[in-house]
Protein backbone atom coordinates (compact mmCIF):
# COMPACT_ATOMS: atom_id res chain seq x y z
CA MET A 1 15.36 -7.96 27.15
CA ASN A 2 12.99 -10.32 25.91
CA ILE A 3 11.73 -9.47 21.94
CA VAL A 4 9.19 -11.06 20.75
CA VAL A 5 8.18 -10.87 17.11
CA LEU A 6 4.23 -11.37 16.67
CA GLU A 7 4.71 -11.66 12.59
CA ARG A 8 7.93 -13.02 11.51
CA ASN A 9 6.66 -14.19 7.74
CA SER A 10 5.61 -10.43 7.12
CA VAL A 11 8.41 -9.76 5.89
CA GLY A 12 8.83 -13.41 4.03
CA PRO A 13 10.95 -16.31 5.32
CA ASP A 14 13.69 -15.51 2.91
CA ILE A 15 14.40 -12.48 4.67
CA SER A 16 17.13 -12.62 7.93
CA VAL A 17 15.69 -11.51 11.09
CA GLU A 18 18.40 -12.44 12.82
CA CYS A 19 20.29 -8.96 13.49
CA PHE A 20 17.11 -9.04 15.97
CA SER A 21 19.22 -11.37 18.22
CA GLU A 22 21.90 -8.87 18.91
CA LEU A 23 19.36 -6.92 21.08
CA GLY A 24 18.14 -9.32 23.40
CA THR A 25 16.31 -12.49 23.44
CA VAL A 26 14.25 -13.06 20.64
CA THR A 27 10.85 -15.35 20.52
CA CYS A 28 9.26 -15.60 17.01
CA TYR A 29 6.11 -16.68 15.85
CA THR A 30 5.67 -16.94 12.10
CA ASN A 31 1.97 -15.55 12.21
CA THR A 32 -0.20 -13.79 14.67
CA VAL A 33 -3.99 -13.71 14.06
CA THR A 34 -6.04 -14.01 17.26
CA MET A 35 -6.59 -11.58 19.74
CA GLN A 36 -5.60 -14.44 22.42
CA GLU A 37 -2.68 -15.29 20.58
CA VAL A 38 -1.40 -11.67 20.58
CA ARG A 39 -2.13 -11.99 24.79
CA GLU A 40 -0.22 -15.35 25.65
CA ARG A 41 3.00 -14.67 23.52
CA VAL A 42 3.88 -10.71 24.62
CA LYS A 43 2.95 -11.14 28.43
CA ASN A 44 6.59 -10.84 29.37
CA ALA A 45 7.39 -9.15 26.37
CA ASP A 46 10.12 -6.01 26.84
CA ILE A 47 9.75 -5.37 23.02
CA ILE A 48 7.22 -6.42 20.68
CA VAL A 49 7.70 -6.44 17.41
CA ALA A 50 4.29 -5.97 15.24
CA ASN A 51 2.67 -5.58 11.62
CA LYS A 52 -1.08 -6.41 12.08
CA SER A 53 -1.71 -8.05 15.19
CA PRO A 54 -3.79 -5.58 17.45
CA MET A 55 -2.06 -3.39 20.50
CA CYS A 56 -4.56 -1.78 22.54
CA GLU A 57 -5.21 -2.42 26.15
CA GLU A 58 -7.46 -5.89 25.64
CA SER A 59 -3.76 -7.61 24.37
CA LEU A 60 -1.20 -6.24 26.45
CA LYS A 61 -2.84 -5.71 29.71
CA ASP A 62 -2.07 -8.46 30.88
CA ALA A 63 2.06 -7.51 29.91
CA PRO A 64 3.52 -5.04 32.91
CA ASN A 65 6.62 -5.43 31.50
CA VAL A 66 6.44 -3.99 27.72
CA LYS A 67 8.63 -1.10 26.93
CA MET A 68 8.53 -0.40 23.29
CA ILE A 69 5.83 -1.76 20.41
CA CYS A 70 7.79 -2.24 17.01
CA GLU A 71 6.07 -1.89 13.93
CA LEU A 72 7.54 -4.03 11.32
CA ALA A 73 5.96 -1.05 8.83
CA THR A 74 5.20 2.20 8.15
CA GLY A 75 1.85 2.66 9.64
CA TYR A 76 0.34 1.66 13.00
CA ASP A 77 -3.31 1.47 12.20
CA ASN A 78 -3.39 -1.38 14.72
CA CYS A 79 -1.73 0.32 17.13
CA ASP A 80 -3.77 1.90 20.19
CA LEU A 81 -1.35 5.11 20.74
CA GLU A 82 -3.47 6.50 23.62
CA TYR A 83 -3.60 3.44 25.23
CA CYS A 84 0.27 2.98 24.59
CA LYS A 85 0.69 6.43 25.86
CA SER A 86 -1.08 6.20 29.29
CA ARG A 87 1.50 3.30 29.80
CA GLY A 88 4.57 5.10 28.68
CA ILE A 89 5.06 2.48 25.82
CA ARG A 90 7.36 3.92 22.80
CA VAL A 91 5.82 3.54 19.16
CA THR A 92 8.42 3.04 16.71
CA ASN A 93 7.60 2.52 12.93
CA VAL A 94 9.92 2.03 9.09
CA VAL A 95 9.55 5.35 7.17
CA ASP A 96 10.65 5.33 3.24
CA TYR A 97 11.97 2.01 3.44
CA CYS A 98 9.35 0.86 0.54
CA SER A 99 8.91 3.91 -1.67
CA ALA A 100 10.91 3.11 -4.39
CA MET A 101 9.42 -0.11 -4.97
CA VAL A 102 5.70 1.48 -3.93
CA ALA A 103 6.23 3.94 -6.65
CA GLN A 104 7.77 1.23 -9.11
CA HIS A 105 4.39 -1.12 -8.72
CA THR A 106 2.04 1.75 -9.57
CA PHE A 107 3.79 2.29 -13.07
CA THR A 108 3.65 -1.34 -13.62
CA LEU A 109 0.33 -1.51 -13.00
CA ALA A 110 -0.88 1.17 -15.24
CA LEU A 111 1.61 0.60 -18.07
CA ALA A 112 0.00 -3.07 -17.60
CA LEU A 113 -3.64 -2.19 -17.81
CA SER A 114 -2.69 0.92 -20.28
CA GLN A 115 -0.87 -1.53 -23.52
CA LYS A 116 -3.25 -4.21 -22.77
CA LEU A 117 -0.58 -6.22 -21.79
CA PRO A 118 -3.27 -9.47 -20.48
CA TYR A 119 -4.71 -9.26 -24.02
CA TYR A 120 -1.15 -9.22 -26.11
CA ASP A 121 -0.02 -11.86 -24.14
CA ASN A 122 -2.42 -13.93 -24.12
CA TYR A 123 -2.79 -12.93 -27.87
CA VAL A 124 0.48 -14.66 -28.42
CA LYS A 125 0.28 -17.59 -26.61
CA SER A 126 -3.16 -18.49 -27.64
CA GLY A 127 -1.90 -19.44 -30.99
CA ALA A 128 -3.86 -16.07 -32.98
CA TYR A 129 -0.93 -13.93 -33.39
CA SER A 130 0.85 -17.25 -35.31
CA ALA A 131 -2.46 -17.81 -37.29
CA GLN A 132 -2.66 -14.13 -38.89
CA ASP A 133 -0.69 -12.79 -42.02
CA ARG A 134 0.61 -9.17 -40.34
CA PHE A 135 4.48 -8.92 -38.53
CA SER A 136 1.83 -6.84 -35.59
CA ASN A 137 -1.17 -6.54 -34.45
CA PHE A 138 -3.35 -3.56 -32.25
CA ASP A 139 -6.60 -4.24 -32.55
CA CYS A 140 -6.89 -3.74 -28.87
CA SER A 141 -6.43 -0.14 -29.20
CA PHE A 142 -3.83 1.54 -26.65
CA TYR A 143 -2.35 4.81 -26.36
CA GLU A 144 1.20 6.79 -24.30
CA LEU A 145 1.16 8.15 -21.18
CA GLU A 146 2.82 11.54 -23.09
CA GLY A 147 0.79 14.48 -23.20
CA LYS A 148 -1.47 13.01 -20.44
CA THR A 149 -2.75 13.92 -16.99
CA TRP A 150 -1.79 12.57 -13.94
CA GLY A 151 -3.52 12.63 -11.01
CA ILE A 152 -2.11 11.76 -7.70
CA VAL A 153 -3.55 12.16 -4.04
CA GLY A 154 -1.19 11.87 -0.90
CA MET A 155 1.85 13.88 -1.76
CA GLY A 156 3.95 12.14 0.62
CA ASN A 157 7.32 10.42 -0.14
CA ILE A 158 5.59 7.62 -2.42
CA GLY A 159 3.29 10.49 -3.91
CA LYS A 160 6.82 12.43 -4.90
CA ARG A 161 8.36 9.43 -6.18
CA VAL A 162 5.40 9.23 -8.86
CA ALA A 163 5.13 12.74 -10.16
CA LYS A 164 8.54 12.14 -10.75
CA ILE A 165 8.42 9.55 -12.31
CA ALA A 166 5.24 10.58 -14.72
CA THR A 167 7.15 14.03 -15.46
CA ALA A 168 9.52 11.53 -16.91
CA PHE A 169 6.92 9.95 -19.09
CA GLY A 170 5.76 13.23 -20.05
CA CYS A 171 2.90 13.75 -18.06
CA LYS A 172 1.32 16.51 -16.81
CA VAL A 173 1.21 16.09 -12.93
CA ILE A 174 -2.10 17.16 -10.75
CA PHE A 175 -2.68 16.76 -7.23
CA HIS A 176 -5.38 17.21 -4.41
CA SER A 177 -4.61 17.44 -0.70
CA VAL A 178 -7.37 15.59 1.24
CA THR A 179 -6.15 18.05 4.29
CA GLY A 180 -5.71 20.68 2.82
CA LYS A 181 -2.14 21.57 4.57
CA SER A 182 0.09 20.20 1.29
CA THR A 183 2.88 22.78 1.53
CA VAL A 184 4.28 20.90 -1.86
CA THR A 185 4.26 23.69 -4.60
CA GLU A 186 6.47 21.97 -7.98
CA TYR A 187 3.07 20.44 -8.38
CA GLN A 188 -0.28 21.95 -9.30
CA GLN A 189 -2.78 20.98 -5.73
CA VAL A 190 -6.14 21.26 -7.49
CA ASP A 191 -9.34 21.26 -5.12
CA LYS A 192 -11.44 16.84 -5.94
CA GLU A 193 -13.50 17.76 -8.38
CA THR A 194 -11.43 18.58 -11.39
CA LEU A 195 -8.60 15.83 -10.23
CA LEU A 196 -10.96 13.40 -10.74
CA SER A 197 -12.20 14.89 -14.00
CA GLU A 198 -9.42 15.68 -15.07
CA SER A 199 -7.27 12.95 -14.31
CA ASP A 200 -6.13 9.94 -16.92
CA PHE A 201 -4.36 7.87 -14.34
CA LEU A 202 -5.22 9.02 -10.85
CA SER A 203 -2.94 7.48 -8.40
CA LEU A 204 -3.59 6.62 -4.34
CA HIS A 205 -0.78 6.73 -1.83
CA CYS A 206 -2.15 8.72 1.18
CA PRO A 207 -3.19 7.50 5.04
CA LEU A 208 -6.30 5.88 5.63
CA SER A 209 -8.01 8.40 8.28
CA ASP A 210 -11.77 9.71 8.16
CA LEU A 211 -11.09 11.63 5.56
CA THR A 212 -9.77 9.03 2.68
CA ARG A 213 -12.60 6.25 3.84
CA ASN A 214 -14.33 6.14 0.31
CA PHE A 215 -12.58 8.56 -1.22
CA ILE A 216 -12.98 6.48 -4.64
CA ASP A 217 -17.08 5.42 -4.48
CA LYS A 218 -19.43 5.56 -6.92
CA LYS A 219 -20.12 9.70 -7.11
CA ALA A 220 -16.46 10.00 -7.60
CA LEU A 221 -15.73 7.38 -10.08
CA GLN A 222 -18.65 8.61 -11.81
CA GLN A 223 -16.59 12.32 -12.72
CA MET A 224 -13.62 10.29 -14.14
CA LYS A 225 -12.77 9.70 -17.42
CA PRO A 226 -14.58 7.07 -19.27
CA MET A 227 -10.96 6.41 -20.29
CA ALA A 228 -9.61 6.87 -17.31
CA TYR A 229 -6.88 4.38 -15.40
CA LEU A 230 -7.48 4.08 -11.82
CA VAL A 231 -4.34 2.53 -9.17
CA ASN A 232 -4.20 2.17 -5.39
CA VAL A 233 -1.51 0.93 -3.57
CA ALA A 234 -2.40 3.37 -0.72
CA ARG A 235 -5.11 1.35 1.34
CA GLY A 236 -8.36 -0.93 0.67
CA PRO A 237 -10.46 0.93 1.90
CA VAL A 238 -10.12 4.08 0.74
CA VAL A 239 -11.73 2.84 -2.75
CA ASN A 240 -15.44 1.38 -2.14
CA ASN A 241 -14.89 -1.48 -4.00
CA THR A 242 -18.45 -2.67 -4.60
CA ASP A 243 -18.43 0.92 -6.05
CA LEU A 244 -15.71 0.27 -7.96
CA TYR A 245 -16.96 -3.43 -9.43
CA GLU A 246 -20.34 -1.48 -10.77
CA ALA A 247 -18.29 1.52 -12.51
CA LEU A 248 -16.57 -1.32 -14.59
CA GLU A 249 -19.25 -2.95 -15.49
CA ALA A 250 -20.24 -0.17 -16.12
CA GLY A 251 -17.26 0.78 -18.42
CA GLN A 252 -17.48 4.77 -16.22
CA ILE A 253 -13.62 3.43 -16.51
CA ALA A 254 -11.41 2.30 -18.21
CA GLY A 255 -9.98 0.31 -15.73
CA ALA A 256 -8.28 -0.51 -12.20
CA GLY A 257 -4.96 -1.58 -10.88
CA LEU A 258 -5.33 -2.58 -7.12
CA ASP A 259 -3.03 -3.74 -4.75
CA VAL A 260 -5.24 -2.90 -1.89
CA LEU A 261 -8.31 -4.30 -1.21
CA GLU A 262 -11.77 -3.26 1.54
CA LYS A 263 -10.64 -6.71 3.60
CA GLU A 264 -7.68 -8.35 2.68
CA PRO A 265 -6.80 -11.69 1.85
CA LEU A 266 -9.28 -11.27 -0.98
CA GLU A 267 -13.08 -12.28 0.35
CA LEU A 268 -14.98 -14.42 -2.31
CA THR A 269 -17.94 -12.07 -1.19
CA ASN A 270 -15.96 -8.98 -2.90
CA PRO A 271 -17.81 -8.58 -6.34
CA LEU A 272 -14.16 -7.42 -7.68
CA SER A 273 -13.77 -11.29 -6.97
CA LYS A 274 -15.88 -12.42 -10.06
CA VAL A 275 -13.37 -10.10 -12.31
CA LYS A 276 -11.53 -12.28 -14.72
CA ASP A 277 -10.91 -9.61 -17.42
CA SER A 278 -7.08 -8.77 -16.45
CA ASN A 279 -7.44 -5.88 -19.27
CA LYS A 280 -9.96 -4.36 -16.94
CA LEU A 281 -8.37 -4.89 -13.78
CA ILE A 282 -5.66 -6.26 -12.12
CA ILE A 283 -5.48 -7.36 -8.50
CA THR A 284 -1.43 -7.76 -6.82
CA PRO A 285 -2.05 -9.56 -2.69
CA HIS A 286 -1.03 -6.59 -1.23
CA LEU A 287 3.08 -6.18 -2.62
CA ALA A 288 3.48 -3.22 -4.25
CA TRP A 289 5.91 -2.62 -0.50
CA GLY A 290 7.76 -5.86 -0.89
CA SER A 291 10.26 -5.89 -2.78
CA VAL A 292 13.91 -7.44 -1.34
CA GLU A 293 15.60 -4.62 -1.05
CA ALA A 294 12.53 -2.97 0.98
CA ARG A 295 12.07 -5.75 2.95
CA ARG A 296 15.12 -5.86 3.90
CA ARG A 297 15.41 -2.35 4.48
CA CYS A 298 12.04 -2.68 7.04
CA VAL A 299 14.18 -5.09 9.28
CA GLU A 300 17.08 -3.19 9.06
CA GLY A 301 14.91 0.07 10.49
CA VAL A 302 13.19 -1.84 13.34
CA TYR A 303 16.72 -3.36 14.57
CA GLU A 304 18.02 0.67 14.57
CA ASN A 305 15.71 1.45 16.31
CA ILE A 306 15.19 -0.68 19.04
CA LYS A 307 18.75 0.10 18.85
CA ALA A 308 18.56 3.64 19.14
CA PHE A 309 15.64 3.19 22.14
CA GLN A 310 18.38 1.41 24.10
CA ARG A 311 20.66 4.09 24.24
CA GLY A 312 18.28 6.12 24.90
CA GLU A 313 17.76 8.09 21.84
CA GLU A 314 14.31 8.63 19.89
CA ARG A 315 14.47 7.37 16.23
CA ASN A 316 11.02 6.78 13.95
CA VAL A 317 9.50 7.71 17.31
CA VAL A 318 5.57 8.15 16.31
CA ILE A 319 4.92 8.51 20.21
């Protein structure tokens, strides 16, 4: 089988993908950006390994041999499932490979912001600490997690991990189900208004859909506590970036930690690019999922998906 890897570097050049060579003839491309590149590169493919490259009629219509699309990720927003179904193309993803890391990054952002780590790191490195006559400094107030309310949107694998960690810190955990279909009973389920008004920390772990797009907008931000922190490690468009910028500038919330943005990489036209105060806003470049261990698990997951397909078995099948 001809296996075409369209975005080999989406898992980083430090992670080997040599295991794919055991399963067929492999062609790797560092990155694939344009529709024309996709069409040209997949025309002789039996199996496509993709991440963000569009998988739709326009990109696949001249690729008659495609039997399988392997998402090198959990999400499959780039894939037209109806078209693939009409062609009989199997689509698979990799689930739960990065849950531990995303949960860890959630607290990395929340703690850095709430404990004012950028402020105090700069205070020491600037020489201000060496110049003072006290052994400590707490000019910029910070607070404990214990006793605070941690709100969650999206109580899937990642959300549950975050809830468990927040509980260990002594937080009360509440969550909101966007679809209203959550079966989780370990934590209190609340409506959106209660979630926004009661959360001291609000973290987002939901997929992007019509229900979650702009879930955090101007109205939502106005309902949050002035001392609340927002963390988005879900999908960028879940938070309206312009509305968040205005809320941060107005002091409507204490701060925000983002690993995802409406458009990536960060565009200079995005007003959040103007916020240079890391005590108010920390943005990381969509790396919450990307520990070495998680990226290895992602590659291994695709490898196992292809092996299962070749044996006539179903594994992580989307359609």
